[in-house]
Amino acid sequence: MKVPKHLAIIMDGNGRWAKERGLPRIAGHYEGVRRAEEVVEACIDLNIKWLTLFAFSTENWKRPEGEVKALMRLLEGYIRQNAKRLTEKGLRVSFVGRRDRLPESLVREMEKVERLRPKQEKLHVILAVDYGGRDEIIRTIRKMIETGSQIDESSFKLLSDFSQIPDPDLLIRTGGERRISNFLLWHLAYTELYFTDTYWPDFRREDLLKAIEDFSRRERKFGAVL
């Protein structure tokens, strides 16, 4: 089975999953963390090298204040409690997106875990937090102007949030929506897309394998004729 080297996931459906069970929306996010842990384990087993997870978008600030604060606490607490364990498992963790609007305590935890390096890197996990594709493009263009860089694709890639990371081979979106919602707009140019109606809290290893099996049957041409 052909396996993507870089997998990206839009983890959608947490709130709806919770609502259908009469639970507060944040309960769906806590369950979603468990699914993320399972997918990380599966990616290690499959020898996937990069995993990018869409954790919080630039548009998610429009959600109720209580939910946003709870999400920030969830992320900060998880990093603080699990940074060492993740590194020992062979995970490198980094973040993309803006940091100027995030709580300072969260940014400190993000920076701490980013400084850690596993003895043997098995998987690089990239969390997109306060990330938007349009925002990244604007920020990158500003860097190009400020540094006087050549205006070409190579310079853009070098100054983007994913400067040292290859473009995703496969994007999975859970939750039933068929759109990319301002995620990795530049980097998804030739990425294979896979959509499933399964809510993220219900997404299991077998669902991931189903998506990868579908990916392995596709013929990627990158604009050429094979």
N, C-alpha and C. Protein backbone atom coordinates (compact mmCIF):
# COMPACT_ATOMS: atom_id res chain seq x y z
N MET A 1 0.84 -1.20 0.00
CA MET A 1 0.00 0.00 0.00
C MET A 1 0.88 1.25 0.00
N LYS A 2 0.59 2.15 -0.91
CA LYS A 2 1.33 3.41 -1.00
C LYS A 2 0.87 4.33 0.14
N VAL A 3 1.83 4.82 0.91
CA VAL A 3 1.52 5.63 2.09
C VAL A 3 2.02 7.05 1.88
N PRO A 4 1.22 8.06 2.24
CA PRO A 4 1.70 9.45 2.12
C PRO A 4 2.84 9.72 3.08
N LYS A 5 3.80 10.51 2.64
CA LYS A 5 4.88 10.92 3.54
C LYS A 5 4.39 12.02 4.49
N HIS A 6 3.53 12.90 3.96
CA HIS A 6 2.98 14.00 4.76
C HIS A 6 1.46 13.92 4.69
N LEU A 7 0.85 13.72 5.84
CA LEU A 7 -0.61 13.65 5.96
C LEU A 7 -1.10 14.88 6.70
N ALA A 8 -2.14 15.51 6.17
CA ALA A 8 -2.78 16.64 6.85
C ALA A 8 -4.23 16.28 7.14
N ILE A 9 -4.74 16.75 8.27
CA ILE A 9 -6.11 16.41 8.67
C ILE A 9 -6.84 17.64 9.20
N ILE A 10 -8.05 17.86 8.67
CA ILE A 10 -8.97 18.83 9.25
C ILE A 10 -9.89 18.04 10.17
N MET A 11 -9.71 18.22 11.46
CA MET A 11 -10.41 17.40 12.46
C MET A 11 -11.77 18.03 12.78
N ASP A 12 -12.75 17.76 11.95
CA ASP A 12 -14.04 18.44 12.04
C ASP A 12 -15.11 17.51 12.63
N GLY A 13 -16.05 18.12 13.34
CA GLY A 13 -17.20 17.39 13.85
C GLY A 13 -17.23 17.20 15.35
N ASN A 14 -16.27 17.78 16.08
CA ASN A 14 -16.25 17.60 17.53
C ASN A 14 -17.51 18.15 18.21
N GLY A 15 -17.88 19.38 17.83
CA GLY A 15 -19.05 20.01 18.45
C GLY A 15 -20.33 19.27 18.14
N ARG A 16 -20.52 18.87 16.89
CA ARG A 16 -21.74 18.15 16.51
C ARG A 16 -21.81 16.78 17.19
N TRP A 17 -20.65 16.14 17.31
CA TRP A 17 -20.60 14.84 18.01
C TRP A 17 -21.10 14.99 19.44
N ALA A 18 -20.64 16.05 20.12
CA ALA A 18 -21.05 16.28 21.49
C ALA A 18 -22.54 16.64 21.58
N LYS A 19 -22.99 17.50 20.68
CA LYS A 19 -24.38 17.95 20.71
C LYS A 19 -25.34 16.78 20.54
N GLU A 20 -25.03 15.86 19.64
CA GLU A 20 -25.90 14.71 19.40
C GLU A 20 -25.98 13.80 20.62
N ARG A 21 -25.03 13.93 21.53
CA ARG A 21 -25.02 13.11 22.74
C ARG A 21 -25.44 13.90 23.98
N GLY A 22 -25.93 15.12 23.75
CA GLY A 22 -26.38 15.94 24.85
C GLY A 22 -25.27 16.41 25.75
N LEU A 23 -24.06 16.54 25.19
CA LEU A 23 -22.88 16.94 25.96
C LEU A 23 -22.46 18.35 25.58
N PRO A 24 -21.73 19.04 26.44
CA PRO A 24 -21.19 20.35 26.05
C PRO A 24 -20.18 20.19 24.93
N ARG A 25 -20.05 21.20 24.09
CA ARG A 25 -19.17 21.11 22.92
C ARG A 25 -17.74 20.75 23.30
N ILE A 26 -17.27 21.25 24.44
CA ILE A 26 -15.88 20.99 24.81
C ILE A 26 -15.64 19.49 25.03
N ALA A 27 -16.70 18.74 25.38
CA ALA A 27 -16.54 17.30 25.54
C ALA A 27 -16.13 16.65 24.23
N GLY A 28 -16.62 17.18 23.13
CA GLY A 28 -16.21 16.68 21.82
C GLY A 28 -14.75 16.94 21.54
N HIS A 29 -14.25 18.07 22.01
CA HIS A 29 -12.84 18.39 21.80
C HIS A 29 -11.94 17.48 22.64
N TYR A 30 -12.36 17.17 23.85
CA TYR A 30 -11.58 16.25 24.68
C TYR A 30 -11.53 14.87 24.03
N GLU A 31 -12.67 14.42 23.49
CA GLU A 31 -12.67 13.13 22.80
C GLU A 31 -11.83 13.21 21.54
N GLY A 32 -11.83 14.36 20.90
CA GLY A 32 -11.02 14.55 19.70
C GLY A 32 -9.53 14.42 19.98
N VAL A 33 -9.09 14.82 21.17
CA VAL A 33 -7.68 14.66 21.55
C VAL A 33 -7.31 13.19 21.58
N ARG A 34 -8.22 12.36 22.09
CA ARG A 34 -7.96 10.91 22.13
C ARG A 34 -7.81 10.35 20.72
N ARG A 35 -8.64 10.83 19.81
CA ARG A 35 -8.53 10.34 18.43
C ARG A 35 -7.21 10.79 17.81
N ALA A 36 -6.79 12.01 18.13
CA ALA A 36 -5.51 12.49 17.61
C ALA A 36 -4.37 11.60 18.09
N GLU A 37 -4.43 11.19 19.35
CA GLU A 37 -3.39 10.31 19.87
C GLU A 37 -3.38 8.97 19.13
N GLU A 38 -4.55 8.44 18.83
CA GLU A 38 -4.64 7.17 18.10
C GLU A 38 -4.09 7.32 16.69
N VAL A 39 -4.41 8.43 16.04
CA VAL A 39 -3.92 8.65 14.67
C VAL A 39 -2.40 8.82 14.67
N VAL A 40 -1.86 9.48 15.68
CA VAL A 40 -0.40 9.61 15.79
C VAL A 40 0.24 8.23 15.87
N GLU A 41 -0.30 7.36 16.70
CA GLU A 41 0.23 6.01 16.83
C GLU A 41 0.17 5.28 15.48
N ALA A 42 -0.94 5.42 14.77
CA ALA A 42 -1.09 4.76 13.48
C ALA A 42 -0.09 5.30 12.47
N CYS A 43 0.15 6.61 12.50
CA CYS A 43 1.10 7.22 11.57
C CYS A 43 2.51 6.69 11.82
N ILE A 44 2.87 6.49 13.08
CA ILE A 44 4.18 5.93 13.40
C ILE A 44 4.27 4.51 12.83
N ASP A 45 3.23 3.72 13.03
CA ASP A 45 3.22 2.34 12.53
C ASP A 45 3.31 2.29 11.01
N LEU A 46 2.71 3.28 10.34
CA LEU A 46 2.69 3.31 8.88
C LEU A 46 3.92 3.99 8.28
N ASN A 47 4.79 4.50 9.14
CA ASN A 47 6.01 5.18 8.71
C ASN A 47 5.71 6.48 7.96
N ILE A 48 4.63 7.14 8.34
CA ILE A 48 4.35 8.49 7.85
C ILE A 48 5.31 9.44 8.57
N LYS A 49 5.88 10.38 7.87
CA LYS A 49 6.93 11.22 8.45
C LYS A 49 6.43 12.55 9.01
N TRP A 50 5.39 13.11 8.39
CA TRP A 50 4.85 14.40 8.84
C TRP A 50 3.34 14.30 8.97
N LEU A 51 2.81 14.83 10.05
CA LEU A 51 1.37 14.87 10.30
C LEU A 51 0.99 16.28 10.72
N THR A 52 0.16 16.94 9.91
CA THR A 52 -0.29 18.29 10.24
C THR A 52 -1.76 18.24 10.62
N LEU A 53 -2.08 18.76 11.81
CA LEU A 53 -3.44 18.74 12.34
C LEU A 53 -3.96 20.17 12.48
N PHE A 54 -5.14 20.43 11.93
CA PHE A 54 -5.75 21.75 12.01
C PHE A 54 -6.46 21.85 13.36
N ALA A 55 -5.82 22.51 14.32
CA ALA A 55 -6.33 22.55 15.70
C ALA A 55 -7.21 23.76 15.98
N PHE A 56 -6.85 24.94 15.41
CA PHE A 56 -7.61 26.16 15.70
C PHE A 56 -7.34 27.14 14.57
N SER A 57 -8.38 27.58 13.90
CA SER A 57 -8.21 28.45 12.74
C SER A 57 -8.31 29.92 13.11
N THR A 58 -7.91 30.78 12.19
CA THR A 58 -8.03 32.23 12.41
C THR A 58 -9.50 32.63 12.53
N GLU A 59 -10.40 31.82 11.96
CA GLU A 59 -11.83 32.10 12.03
C GLU A 59 -12.47 31.57 13.31
N ASN A 60 -11.79 30.67 14.00
CA ASN A 60 -12.39 30.07 15.20
C ASN A 60 -12.53 31.05 16.35
N TRP A 61 -11.89 32.22 16.25
CA TRP A 61 -12.08 33.25 17.28
C TRP A 61 -13.53 33.72 17.33
N LYS A 62 -14.30 33.46 16.28
CA LYS A 62 -15.70 33.88 16.23
C LYS A 62 -16.59 32.99 17.09
N ARG A 63 -16.07 31.89 17.57
CA ARG A 63 -16.86 30.98 18.41
C ARG A 63 -17.11 31.62 19.78
N PRO A 64 -18.07 31.06 20.55
CA PRO A 64 -18.35 31.62 21.88
C PRO A 64 -17.08 31.73 22.73
N GLU A 65 -16.96 32.81 23.46
CA GLU A 65 -15.75 33.08 24.24
C GLU A 65 -15.42 31.93 25.19
N GLY A 66 -16.44 31.37 25.82
CA GLY A 66 -16.21 30.28 26.76
C GLY A 66 -15.59 29.07 26.09
N GLU A 67 -16.05 28.76 24.87
CA GLU A 67 -15.50 27.61 24.15
C GLU A 67 -14.05 27.87 23.74
N VAL A 68 -13.77 29.09 23.28
CA VAL A 68 -12.40 29.43 22.88
C VAL A 68 -11.45 29.31 24.07
N LYS A 69 -11.84 29.85 25.21
CA LYS A 69 -10.99 29.78 26.40
C LYS A 69 -10.77 28.33 26.83
N ALA A 70 -11.82 27.52 26.73
CA ALA A 70 -11.70 26.12 27.11
C ALA A 70 -10.75 25.38 26.17
N LEU A 71 -10.80 25.71 24.89
CA LEU A 71 -9.89 25.09 23.92
C LEU A 71 -8.45 25.47 24.20
N MET A 72 -8.22 26.73 24.54
CA MET A 72 -6.87 27.17 24.85
C MET A 72 -6.33 26.47 26.10
N ARG A 73 -7.19 26.32 27.11
CA ARG A 73 -6.78 25.62 28.33
C ARG A 73 -6.50 24.15 28.04
N LEU A 74 -7.32 23.55 27.20
CA LEU A 74 -7.13 22.15 26.83
C LEU A 74 -5.78 21.95 26.16
N LEU A 75 -5.47 22.80 25.20
CA LEU A 75 -4.22 22.67 24.47
C LEU A 75 -3.02 22.92 25.38
N GLU A 76 -3.10 23.99 26.17
CA GLU A 76 -1.99 24.32 27.06
C GLU A 76 -1.74 23.21 28.07
N GLY A 77 -2.81 22.71 28.68
CA GLY A 77 -2.67 21.66 29.67
C GLY A 77 -2.12 20.38 29.08
N TYR A 78 -2.57 20.05 27.87
CA TYR A 78 -2.09 18.82 27.24
C TYR A 78 -0.59 18.90 26.94
N ILE A 79 -0.15 20.04 26.42
CA ILE A 79 1.27 20.20 26.11
C ILE A 79 2.10 20.10 27.38
N ARG A 80 1.67 20.80 28.42
CA ARG A 80 2.43 20.83 29.67
C ARG A 80 2.56 19.43 30.27
N GLN A 81 1.48 18.67 30.23
CA GLN A 81 1.47 17.36 30.87
C GLN A 81 2.13 16.28 30.03
N ASN A 82 2.21 16.47 28.71
CA ASN A 82 2.64 15.37 27.85
C ASN A 82 3.88 15.64 27.01
N ALA A 83 4.48 16.81 27.13
CA ALA A 83 5.63 17.15 26.28
C ALA A 83 6.74 16.11 26.37
N LYS A 84 7.13 15.75 27.59
CA LYS A 84 8.22 14.80 27.77
C LYS A 84 7.85 13.43 27.22
N ARG A 85 6.62 13.00 27.48
CA ARG A 85 6.17 11.68 27.00
C ARG A 85 6.16 11.61 25.49
N LEU A 86 5.71 12.68 24.85
CA LEU A 86 5.66 12.70 23.39
C LEU A 86 7.07 12.60 22.80
N THR A 87 8.01 13.31 23.41
CA THR A 87 9.39 13.27 22.93
C THR A 87 9.98 11.88 23.09
N GLU A 88 9.70 11.26 24.22
CA GLU A 88 10.22 9.91 24.47
C GLU A 88 9.66 8.89 23.48
N LYS A 89 8.46 9.18 22.95
CA LYS A 89 7.84 8.29 21.95
C LYS A 89 8.42 8.50 20.56
N GLY A 90 9.30 9.48 20.40
CA GLY A 90 9.90 9.75 19.10
C GLY A 90 9.19 10.83 18.31
N LEU A 91 8.41 11.65 18.99
CA LEU A 91 7.67 12.71 18.30
C LEU A 91 8.40 14.04 18.41
N ARG A 92 8.47 14.72 17.29
CA ARG A 92 8.87 16.13 17.29
C ARG A 92 7.60 16.93 17.08
N VAL A 93 7.40 17.97 17.87
CA VAL A 93 6.18 18.77 17.81
C VAL A 93 6.53 20.21 17.46
N SER A 94 5.81 20.77 16.50
CA SER A 94 5.98 22.19 16.18
C SER A 94 4.62 22.79 15.84
N PHE A 95 4.59 24.10 15.73
CA PHE A 95 3.34 24.82 15.53
C PHE A 95 3.46 25.78 14.35
N VAL A 96 2.37 25.96 13.63
CA VAL A 96 2.31 26.96 12.57
C VAL A 96 1.11 27.86 12.83
N GLY A 97 1.21 29.08 12.33
CA GLY A 97 0.14 30.06 12.53
C GLY A 97 0.64 31.25 13.33
N ARG A 98 -0.29 32.11 13.70
CA ARG A 98 0.04 33.30 14.48
C ARG A 98 0.20 32.95 15.95
N ARG A 99 0.98 33.77 16.66
CA ARG A 99 1.13 33.58 18.10
C ARG A 99 0.80 34.85 18.88
N ASP A 100 0.64 35.95 18.18
CA ASP A 100 0.45 37.22 18.87
C ASP A 100 -0.91 37.34 19.53
N ARG A 101 -1.87 36.49 19.16
CA ARG A 101 -3.21 36.57 19.76
C ARG A 101 -3.47 35.46 20.77
N LEU A 102 -2.52 34.56 20.92
CA LEU A 102 -2.68 33.44 21.84
C LEU A 102 -2.30 33.85 23.26
N PRO A 103 -2.85 33.17 24.27
CA PRO A 103 -2.44 33.45 25.66
C PRO A 103 -0.93 33.26 25.83
N GLU A 104 -0.29 34.15 26.55
CA GLU A 104 1.16 34.07 26.72
C GLU A 104 1.59 32.76 27.36
N SER A 105 0.79 32.25 28.30
CA SER A 105 1.14 31.00 28.95
C SER A 105 1.13 29.83 27.96
N LEU A 106 0.20 29.87 27.01
CA LEU A 106 0.15 28.83 25.98
C LEU A 106 1.36 28.93 25.06
N VAL A 107 1.71 30.13 24.66
CA VAL A 107 2.86 30.32 23.78
C VAL A 107 4.13 29.81 24.46
N ARG A 108 4.26 30.03 25.76
CA ARG A 108 5.45 29.54 26.47
C ARG A 108 5.52 28.01 26.41
N GLU A 109 4.39 27.35 26.59
CA GLU A 109 4.39 25.88 26.53
C GLU A 109 4.69 25.39 25.11
N MET A 110 4.19 26.09 24.12
CA MET A 110 4.46 25.75 22.72
C MET A 110 5.95 25.85 22.44
N GLU A 111 6.56 26.93 22.89
CA GLU A 111 7.99 27.13 22.65
C GLU A 111 8.83 26.09 23.37
N LYS A 112 8.41 25.70 24.57
CA LYS A 112 9.15 24.67 25.32
C LYS A 112 9.16 23.34 24.57
N VAL A 113 7.99 22.91 24.11
CA VAL A 113 7.93 21.60 23.45
C VAL A 113 8.63 21.64 22.09
N GLU A 114 8.63 22.80 21.44
CA GLU A 114 9.32 22.92 20.16
C GLU A 114 10.84 22.77 20.32
N ARG A 115 11.35 23.12 21.48
CA ARG A 115 12.79 23.02 21.70
C ARG A 115 13.23 21.58 21.96
N LEU A 116 12.29 20.72 22.29
CA LEU A 116 12.62 19.32 22.57
C LEU A 116 12.85 18.56 21.27
N ARG A 117 13.80 17.64 21.30
CA ARG A 117 14.07 16.81 20.14
C ARG A 117 14.20 15.34 20.58
N PRO A 118 13.48 14.44 19.96
CA PRO A 118 13.61 13.02 20.32
C PRO A 118 14.95 12.46 19.87
N LYS A 119 15.43 11.44 20.56
CA LYS A 119 16.68 10.81 20.17
C LYS A 119 16.57 10.21 18.77
N GLN A 120 15.42 9.63 18.49
CA GLN A 120 15.16 9.08 17.16
C GLN A 120 13.79 9.56 16.71
N GLU A 121 13.77 10.48 15.78
CA GLU A 121 12.51 11.08 15.34
C GLU A 121 11.72 10.09 14.48
N LYS A 122 10.53 9.72 14.96
CA LYS A 122 9.66 8.81 14.23
C LYS A 122 8.57 9.55 13.46
N LEU A 123 8.14 10.68 14.00
CA LEU A 123 7.06 11.44 13.38
C LEU A 123 7.16 12.89 13.80
N HIS A 124 7.03 13.79 12.83
CA HIS A 124 7.00 15.23 13.11
C HIS A 124 5.53 15.65 13.07
N VAL A 125 5.00 16.05 14.21
CA VAL A 125 3.61 16.50 14.30
C VAL A 125 3.58 18.01 14.28
N ILE A 126 2.83 18.57 13.33
CA ILE A 126 2.69 20.02 13.20
C ILE A 126 1.25 20.39 13.55
N LEU A 127 1.08 21.23 14.55
CA LEU A 127 -0.25 21.68 14.95
C LEU A 127 -0.48 23.09 14.42
N ALA A 128 -1.54 23.26 13.67
CA ALA A 128 -1.91 24.57 13.14
C ALA A 128 -2.83 25.26 14.14
N VAL A 129 -2.32 26.30 14.80
CA VAL A 129 -3.05 27.00 15.86
C VAL A 129 -3.12 28.48 15.52
N ASP A 130 -4.32 29.04 15.53
CA ASP A 130 -4.56 30.39 15.00
C ASP A 130 -3.95 30.49 13.61
N TYR A 131 -4.27 29.50 12.80
CA TYR A 131 -3.72 29.40 11.45
C TYR A 131 -4.84 29.61 10.43
N GLY A 132 -4.51 30.34 9.37
CA GLY A 132 -5.38 30.48 8.21
C GLY A 132 -4.52 30.55 6.97
N GLY A 133 -4.94 29.90 5.90
CA GLY A 133 -4.14 29.89 4.68
C GLY A 133 -3.93 31.28 4.10
N ARG A 134 -4.97 32.09 4.08
CA ARG A 134 -4.83 33.45 3.56
C ARG A 134 -3.90 34.28 4.44
N ASP A 135 -4.04 34.11 5.75
CA ASP A 135 -3.16 34.83 6.67
C ASP A 135 -1.71 34.44 6.45
N GLU A 136 -1.44 33.14 6.25
CA GLU A 136 -0.07 32.71 6.01
C GLU A 136 0.49 33.33 4.73
N ILE A 137 -0.33 33.37 3.69
CA ILE A 137 0.13 33.96 2.42
C ILE A 137 0.49 35.43 2.61
N ILE A 138 -0.35 36.17 3.31
CA ILE A 138 -0.08 37.59 3.55
C ILE A 138 1.19 37.76 4.39
N ARG A 139 1.32 36.96 5.45
CA ARG A 139 2.51 37.06 6.30
C ARG A 139 3.78 36.72 5.52
N THR A 140 3.69 35.73 4.66
CA THR A 140 4.86 35.32 3.88
C THR A 140 5.25 36.39 2.86
N ILE A 141 4.27 36.99 2.22
CA ILE A 141 4.55 38.06 1.25
C ILE A 141 5.23 39.24 1.96
N ARG A 142 4.76 39.56 3.16
CA ARG A 142 5.40 40.64 3.92
C ARG A 142 6.86 40.32 4.20
N LYS A 143 7.16 39.07 4.55
CA LYS A 143 8.54 38.66 4.80
C LYS A 143 9.37 38.79 3.52
N MET A 144 8.79 38.44 2.39
CA MET A 144 9.51 38.54 1.12
C MET A 144 9.86 39.98 0.81
N ILE A 145 8.92 40.90 1.09
CA ILE A 145 9.17 42.32 0.85
C ILE A 145 10.23 42.85 1.82
N GLU A 146 10.09 42.46 3.10
CA GLU A 146 11.02 42.95 4.11
C GLU A 146 12.45 42.47 3.87
N THR A 147 12.60 41.24 3.36
CA THR A 147 13.93 40.67 3.15
C THR A 147 14.45 40.90 1.74
N GLY A 148 13.64 41.50 0.88
CA GLY A 148 14.05 41.72 -0.49
C GLY A 148 14.25 40.43 -1.27
N SER A 149 13.47 39.43 -0.96
CA SER A 149 13.61 38.13 -1.60
C SER A 149 13.13 38.16 -3.04
N GLN A 150 13.66 37.23 -3.81
CA GLN A 150 13.18 37.02 -5.17
C GLN A 150 11.71 36.62 -5.10
N ILE A 151 10.89 37.16 -5.99
CA ILE A 151 9.46 36.84 -5.99
C ILE A 151 9.26 35.60 -6.85
N ASP A 152 9.37 34.44 -6.23
CA ASP A 152 9.13 33.19 -6.94
C ASP A 152 8.65 32.14 -5.93
N GLU A 153 8.28 30.96 -6.43
CA GLU A 153 7.72 29.93 -5.57
C GLU A 153 8.72 29.42 -4.55
N SER A 154 9.97 29.31 -4.94
CA SER A 154 10.99 28.80 -4.02
C SER A 154 11.17 29.74 -2.83
N SER A 155 11.20 31.04 -3.09
CA SER A 155 11.35 32.01 -2.00
C SER A 155 10.13 32.00 -1.10
N PHE A 156 8.97 31.88 -1.72
CA PHE A 156 7.74 31.84 -0.91
C PHE A 156 7.77 30.64 0.03
N LYS A 157 8.12 29.48 -0.50
CA LYS A 157 8.17 28.27 0.32
C LYS A 157 9.16 28.43 1.47
N LEU A 158 10.30 29.00 1.18
CA LEU A 158 11.36 29.16 2.18
C LEU A 158 10.92 30.05 3.34
N LEU A 159 10.08 31.04 3.07
CA LEU A 159 9.65 31.98 4.09
C LEU A 159 8.28 31.66 4.67
N SER A 160 7.65 30.61 4.18
CA SER A 160 6.32 30.23 4.66
C SER A 160 6.41 29.49 5.98
N ASP A 161 5.25 29.17 6.55
CA ASP A 161 5.22 28.42 7.80
C ASP A 161 5.77 27.00 7.63
N PHE A 162 5.80 26.51 6.41
CA PHE A 162 6.23 25.13 6.13
C PHE A 162 7.53 25.12 5.34
N SER A 163 8.47 25.97 5.74
CA SER A 163 9.70 26.14 4.96
C SER A 163 10.52 24.86 4.85
N GLN A 164 10.55 24.04 5.88
CA GLN A 164 11.37 22.83 5.88
C GLN A 164 10.53 21.56 5.78
N ILE A 165 9.26 21.72 5.43
CA ILE A 165 8.34 20.58 5.41
C ILE A 165 7.73 20.45 4.01
N PRO A 166 7.75 19.26 3.42
CA PRO A 166 7.16 19.08 2.09
C PRO A 166 5.65 19.28 2.11
N ASP A 167 5.09 19.61 0.96
CA ASP A 167 3.64 19.77 0.87
C ASP A 167 2.94 18.45 1.21
N PRO A 168 1.74 18.52 1.76
CA PRO A 168 1.01 17.29 2.09
C PRO A 168 0.73 16.45 0.83
N ASP A 169 0.82 15.15 0.98
CA ASP A 169 0.43 14.23 -0.10
C ASP A 169 -1.07 13.96 -0.04
N LEU A 170 -1.60 13.92 1.17
CA LEU A 170 -3.02 13.59 1.37
C LEU A 170 -3.60 14.48 2.45
N LEU A 171 -4.80 15.04 2.16
CA LEU A 171 -5.57 15.78 3.15
C LEU A 171 -6.85 14.99 3.44
N ILE A 172 -7.10 14.74 4.72
CA ILE A 172 -8.34 14.12 5.15
C ILE A 172 -9.17 15.15 5.89
N ARG A 173 -10.45 15.26 5.53
CA ARG A 173 -11.37 16.08 6.33
C ARG A 173 -12.51 15.21 6.82
N THR A 174 -12.71 15.21 8.12
CA THR A 174 -13.81 14.47 8.72
C THR A 174 -15.02 15.38 8.87
N GLY A 175 -16.14 14.82 9.27
CA GLY A 175 -17.30 15.63 9.65
C GLY A 175 -18.30 15.92 8.55
N GLY A 176 -18.06 15.47 7.33
CA GLY A 176 -19.05 15.59 6.28
C GLY A 176 -18.97 16.80 5.37
N GLU A 177 -18.18 17.81 5.71
CA GLU A 177 -18.05 18.98 4.84
C GLU A 177 -17.08 18.68 3.71
N ARG A 178 -17.34 19.29 2.54
CA ARG A 178 -16.49 19.08 1.35
C ARG A 178 -15.81 20.38 0.97
N ARG A 179 -14.99 20.89 1.84
CA ARG A 179 -14.22 22.10 1.55
C ARG A 179 -12.96 22.09 2.40
N ILE A 180 -12.00 22.98 2.07
CA ILE A 180 -10.74 22.99 2.81
C ILE A 180 -10.68 24.11 3.85
N SER A 181 -11.67 25.00 3.86
CA SER A 181 -11.83 25.98 4.95
C SER A 181 -10.56 26.75 5.29
N ASN A 182 -9.93 27.32 4.26
CA ASN A 182 -8.79 28.22 4.46
C ASN A 182 -7.59 27.52 5.08
N PHE A 183 -7.44 26.23 4.81
CA PHE A 183 -6.34 25.45 5.38
C PHE A 183 -5.29 25.17 4.32
N LEU A 184 -4.06 25.59 4.57
CA LEU A 184 -2.91 25.26 3.71
C LEU A 184 -3.15 25.61 2.24
N LEU A 185 -3.70 26.78 1.99
CA LEU A 185 -4.10 27.14 0.63
C LEU A 185 -2.96 27.01 -0.38
N TRP A 186 -1.77 27.47 -0.01
CA TRP A 186 -0.64 27.40 -0.92
C TRP A 186 -0.16 25.96 -1.07
N HIS A 187 -0.14 25.24 0.02
CA HIS A 187 0.55 23.94 0.08
C HIS A 187 -0.30 22.78 -0.44
N LEU A 188 -1.60 23.00 -0.64
CA LEU A 188 -2.47 21.92 -1.11
C LEU A 188 -2.63 21.88 -2.62
N ALA A 189 -1.79 22.60 -3.33
CA ALA A 189 -1.96 22.73 -4.79
C ALA A 189 -2.13 21.38 -5.49
N TYR A 190 -1.34 20.39 -5.11
CA TYR A 190 -1.42 19.07 -5.74
C TYR A 190 -1.64 17.96 -4.72
N THR A 191 -2.22 18.32 -3.61
CA THR A 191 -2.53 17.34 -2.57
C THR A 191 -3.80 16.57 -2.93
N GLU A 192 -3.81 15.27 -2.68
CA GLU A 192 -5.01 14.46 -2.85
C GLU A 192 -5.95 14.73 -1.68
N LEU A 193 -7.25 14.87 -1.98
CA LEU A 193 -8.24 15.21 -0.96
C LEU A 193 -9.15 14.01 -0.68
N TYR A 194 -9.45 13.80 0.59
CA TYR A 194 -10.33 12.71 1.00
C TYR A 194 -11.31 13.23 2.05
N PHE A 195 -12.60 13.06 1.77
CA PHE A 195 -13.64 13.55 2.69
C PHE A 195 -14.44 12.37 3.24
N THR A 196 -14.77 12.45 4.52
CA THR A 196 -15.57 11.41 5.14
C THR A 196 -16.65 12.05 6.02
N ASP A 197 -17.81 11.40 6.10
CA ASP A 197 -18.89 11.90 6.94
C ASP A 197 -18.65 11.62 8.42
N THR A 198 -17.69 10.78 8.74
CA THR A 198 -17.40 10.41 10.12
C THR A 198 -16.93 11.61 10.92
N TYR A 199 -17.55 11.85 12.07
CA TYR A 199 -17.09 12.92 12.95
C TYR A 199 -15.71 12.55 13.48
N TRP A 200 -14.89 13.57 13.75
CA TRP A 200 -13.54 13.31 14.22
C TRP A 200 -13.50 12.43 15.48
N PRO A 201 -14.36 12.64 16.49
CA PRO A 201 -14.29 11.78 17.67
C PRO A 201 -14.60 10.31 17.39
N ASP A 202 -15.19 10.01 16.23
CA ASP A 202 -15.48 8.63 15.85
C ASP A 202 -14.46 8.07 14.86
N PHE A 203 -13.48 8.87 14.48
CA PHE A 203 -12.50 8.48 13.46
C PHE A 203 -11.47 7.55 14.09
N ARG A 204 -11.39 6.32 13.58
CA ARG A 204 -10.50 5.31 14.15
C ARG A 204 -9.42 4.90 13.15
N ARG A 205 -8.53 4.03 13.62
CA ARG A 205 -7.44 3.55 12.78
C ARG A 205 -7.96 2.97 11.46
N GLU A 206 -9.06 2.22 11.53
CA GLU A 206 -9.60 1.62 10.30
C GLU A 206 -10.08 2.67 9.31
N ASP A 207 -10.56 3.82 9.84
CA ASP A 207 -10.97 4.91 8.96
C ASP A 207 -9.76 5.53 8.28
N LEU A 208 -8.67 5.66 9.03
CA LEU A 208 -7.43 6.18 8.46
C LEU A 208 -6.91 5.25 7.37
N LEU A 209 -6.92 3.95 7.64
CA LEU A 209 -6.45 2.98 6.66
C LEU A 209 -7.30 3.01 5.40
N LYS A 210 -8.60 3.21 5.56
CA LYS A 210 -9.50 3.30 4.41
C LYS A 210 -9.12 4.50 3.54
N ALA A 211 -8.82 5.63 4.17
CA ALA A 211 -8.42 6.83 3.43
C ALA A 211 -7.11 6.62 2.71
N ILE A 212 -6.16 5.96 3.36
CA ILE A 212 -4.85 5.73 2.76
C ILE A 212 -4.95 4.71 1.63
N GLU A 213 -5.80 3.71 1.78
CA GLU A 213 -6.02 2.76 0.70
C GLU A 213 -6.59 3.46 -0.53
N ASP A 214 -7.51 4.41 -0.30
CA ASP A 214 -8.05 5.19 -1.41
C ASP A 214 -6.95 6.01 -2.06
N PHE A 215 -6.11 6.62 -1.25
CA PHE A 215 -4.98 7.41 -1.75
C PHE A 215 -4.03 6.55 -2.59
N SER A 216 -3.78 5.34 -2.13
CA SER A 216 -2.80 4.48 -2.81
C SER A 216 -3.26 4.05 -4.20
N ARG A 217 -4.56 4.14 -4.46
CA ARG A 217 -5.08 3.77 -5.77
C ARG A 217 -5.06 4.93 -6.76
N ARG A 218 -4.76 6.11 -6.30
CA ARG A 218 -4.79 7.28 -7.18
C ARG A 218 -3.46 7.43 -7.93
N GLU A 219 -3.58 7.95 -9.13
CA GLU A 219 -2.40 8.22 -9.97
C GLU A 219 -2.13 9.71 -9.94
N ARG A 220 -1.05 10.10 -9.30
CA ARG A 220 -0.73 11.51 -9.13
C ARG A 220 0.12 11.99 -10.32
N LYS A 221 -0.40 12.96 -11.05
CA LYS A 221 0.26 13.42 -12.28
C LYS A 221 0.94 14.76 -12.12
N PHE A 222 0.55 15.55 -11.13
CA PHE A 222 1.16 16.88 -10.90
C PHE A 222 1.15 17.73 -12.17
N GLY A 223 0.08 17.66 -12.93
CA GLY A 223 -0.08 18.47 -14.13
C GLY A 223 0.50 17.87 -15.38
N ALA A 224 1.21 16.74 -15.26
CA ALA A 224 1.82 16.11 -16.42
C ALA A 224 0.91 15.03 -17.00
N VAL A 225 1.31 14.47 -18.12
CA VAL A 225 0.60 13.35 -18.74
C VAL A 225 1.49 12.12 -18.59
N LEU A 226 0.95 11.11 -17.93
CA LEU A 226 1.72 9.90 -17.69
C LEU A 226 1.39 8.81 -18.72
